[in-house]
Amino acid sequence: MPLDSLYEEAVDLLKSLIATESFSRQEENTAAIIHAFFKKNSIEAHRERNNLWAFNKHYHPDKPTILLNSHHDTVKPNKDWTKDPFTPTLEEGKLFGLGSNDAGGCLVALITTFLHYYEQENLAYNLVMAATAEEEVSGVNGLELIIPQLGPIQFAIVGEPTQMHLAIAEKGLMVLDCVAKGTSGHAAREEGDNAIYRALPDINWFQNFKFPIISEFLGLVKMSVTVIKAGTQHNVVPDSCEFTVDVRVTDAYTNEEVLEIIKAQVDCDVKPRSMRLKPSRIGKETTVVQAGLALGRNLYGSPTTSDQALLTVPSLKLGPGDSARSHTADEFIYLSEIQEGIELYIKILDQIIYQ
C-alpha cells in the first residue's frame, strides 16, 4: 500500500479512537474499533480481553519475530481541558484529542506499518502487532497477559511518543512500603520510643544515598520518599511510622539488586508492592538501533515507565509525538509527526527484514 494511503488510514483510525472513551480497564470499545480495522483489511486478529494481536500473513515458525506494540487506553482528562477531549479537532496541522499523543499516534502508525508488510513474502523476520490495554495503570490484563501467546520474540519496538528518537533504555519502578516501629507512650512524660524519630535516619538515607553504578543513558537510581503516615493525636508518642518510597531503577541494576542493597542499609521493614516493572535496555550494536542511527536518529534514556517494563526481551521505545504533551490538557499530535512516524518505522524495518 502506498505511504500516502497508509497515512490517511492512520489518521482516520486515530480520529475514531479519540472519539471513543478508552480509560484504562474500560477499553472494550476501542478494542472493537481496532478489531474492525484489522477485519476491514483482511487481517486475522486475535483478542483476549481488550488486547488484540495479529501476525503477518506469511508467518513462519522458524523465523525470528519482531513485536510491534503500543497501547490504546488513556488516562482520564484533567480539569484544564478547554476542548472536548473526545472530539478529534484539527487546527493548524495539530490533531487534538485525548490519547492523540499518548499513545494513539504511535499506535496507528505502527498498525499501518504492520499493514504495509502484512502480505509481503520472504521476509527475514516475522512481525506481530499487539494493540494492548491497561498500560496507563500498569495492569495485569494488558500486554503481560498476552505475551505467552505471541511466541518467541527477538526484540520489540514499543510505540511511545519519543519524537522518533531512540529510547534505548528505560527506568523501572519499585514502590516500597516502609514501616519503622517504636513504642507508644504519653508525650508529656519520658515514655515510649518515638517511631517518627526511628524513621528519620532511614528517610535521610533514602534522600542522600547514591548507588555507585551510573547508567550511561539513565544516570543514577532515583529514590524519593513521597508519603508519610504516623501518629493518632498530639499527646501520644507514635509506635509506628509508615512511609512510601518511589524508586526509579536504571538498567545498571535489577530491581532485586536494588531491593537487596536497600534492605541491608535501613532499619525499617521494607516491602515492595511489586517487582514487575523492570528497567530495560537494548544494545547500541543491535540491528534496529543501528538502523535508526543510520537515519540520523538520536539515542537517549527514558525516565518514564511504559510496557517495556513488562518485557523480558530487548526493546526499543520509539514513536511519533512528544512525551512532554502526554497527560496534558488539550493534548495533540501533529499530523506531520504521524506521517514521519510511518515513514521512519518502515525505513528502519526495511534495513532489517529484507536481509
Foldseek 3Di string as FASTA:
>chain_A
DDLVVLLVQLVVLLLVLLLDAAAFVRNQVNLVSVCVVCVVLVFDWDDDRSKIKGKAPADDPVAAEEEEEEESHFHDADPPAPDDQNHFDDDPQKTWHTCAQRFSLQLSLSVSLCSVCRHDPDWRHMYMYMHWGRFVVPDCRTPVVCVVVVPHHQEYEYEHAPQQFKAFKEWFKWKKKWKFFKFKDFQVDPDIGASVVLCVVLQVCLVDDWDDDADPFHGTWHKDWDDKDFDDDDGMRTGMIITMMIITHTPVDWPVVVVVVSVVPGDIDIDIPDRQQTMAGDDCPDLLNVLSVVVVHHYHHYHDGGCVSNDPHRYIYGYFHDPVQGSHHRRIGRSVSSSVRSVSVNSSVVSPTRD
